[in-house]
Structures are given as C-alpha cells and as structure tokens.
C-alpha cells in the first residue's frame, strides 16, 4: 500500500513539474516577462498548491 502511495506522489510531482515548465514557456513566449518574475509567480503557485494539498489531506 505504501509503495502505491509513493508512486502516486511521484507521478503527481512529475505532472506538476511538467505543468510548471509549460506555464513558464507560455509566459515567456506570450507575455515576454523576465525570468525572475516568472520564477516568483511559479514559486508562489507551488507553495499555495502545496499548502492546499496538505490542508486537504489533513
């Protein structure tokens, strides 16, 4: 059971990373934003989603 949970977590992390990369590419191409701004936004989104997921689990 634990192994399945770990696999699911890894898959979710990979999906999140892919989504973040896609978002960064879209922001760079479409809005021509500087990279630091995008990094801040992405970090904020990740932190928010992490907090939400931990709250959701508990």
Protein backbone atom coordinates (compact mmCIF):
# COMPACT_ATOMS: atom_id res chain seq x y z
CA UNK A 1 0.00 0.00 0.00
CA UNK A 2 2.83 2.40 0.92
CA UNK A 3 4.58 1.72 -2.41
CA UNK A 4 1.42 2.66 -4.33
CA UNK A 5 1.14 5.94 -2.40
CA UNK A 6 4.79 6.76 -3.13
CA UNK A 7 4.30 6.03 -6.84
CA UNK A 8 1.20 8.26 -6.94
CA UNK A 9 3.09 11.08 -5.19
CA UNK A 10 5.99 10.78 -7.65
CA UNK A 11 3.60 10.86 -10.62
CA UNK A 12 1.84 13.94 -9.20
CA UNK A 13 5.20 15.69 -8.66
CA UNK A 14 6.27 14.90 -12.24
CA UNK A 15 2.95 16.22 -13.60
CA UNK A 16 3.29 19.41 -11.53
CA UNK A 17 6.84 19.95 -12.80
CA UNK A 18 5.72 19.46 -16.42
CA UNK A 19 2.82 21.90 -15.91
CA UNK A 20 5.18 24.47 -14.34
CA UNK A 21 7.60 24.16 -17.27
CA UNK A 22 4.73 24.61 -19.76
CA UNK A 23 3.45 27.64 -17.82
CA UNK A 24 6.94 29.19 -17.80
CA UNK A 25 7.29 28.65 -21.57
CA UNK A 26 3.83 30.15 -22.20
CA UNK A 27 4.59 33.19 -20.01
CA UNK A 28 7.97 33.75 -21.69
CA UNK A 29 6.57 33.41 -25.22
CA UNK A 30 3.20 35.14 -24.81
CA UNK A 31 3.85 37.87 -22.25
CA UNK A 32 7.64 38.24 -22.75
CA UNK A 33 8.07 38.51 -18.99
CA UNK A 34 11.52 38.48 -17.41
CA UNK A 35 12.52 35.16 -15.86
CA UNK A 36 12.73 36.39 -12.20
CA UNK A 37 9.08 37.49 -12.29
CA UNK A 38 8.03 34.09 -13.64
CA UNK A 39 10.10 32.26 -11.00
CA UNK A 40 8.42 34.26 -8.23
CA UNK A 41 4.96 33.55 -9.65
CA UNK A 42 5.70 29.84 -10.08
CA UNK A 43 7.12 29.52 -6.55
CA UNK A 44 4.03 31.26 -5.19
CA UNK A 45 1.74 28.89 -7.12
CA UNK A 46 3.70 25.83 -5.94
CA UNK A 47 3.61 26.97 -2.30
CA UNK A 48 -0.12 27.70 -2.49
CA UNK A 49 -0.86 24.31 -4.10
CA UNK A 50 1.37 22.56 -1.55
CA UNK A 51 -0.40 24.25 1.36
CA UNK A 52 -3.78 23.46 -0.18
CA UNK A 53 -2.88 19.80 -0.69
CA UNK A 54 -1.56 19.40 2.87
CA UNK A 55 -4.67 21.07 4.29
CA UNK A 56 -6.83 18.94 2.01
CA UNK A 57 -5.15 15.72 3.17
CA UNK A 58 -5.48 16.56 6.86
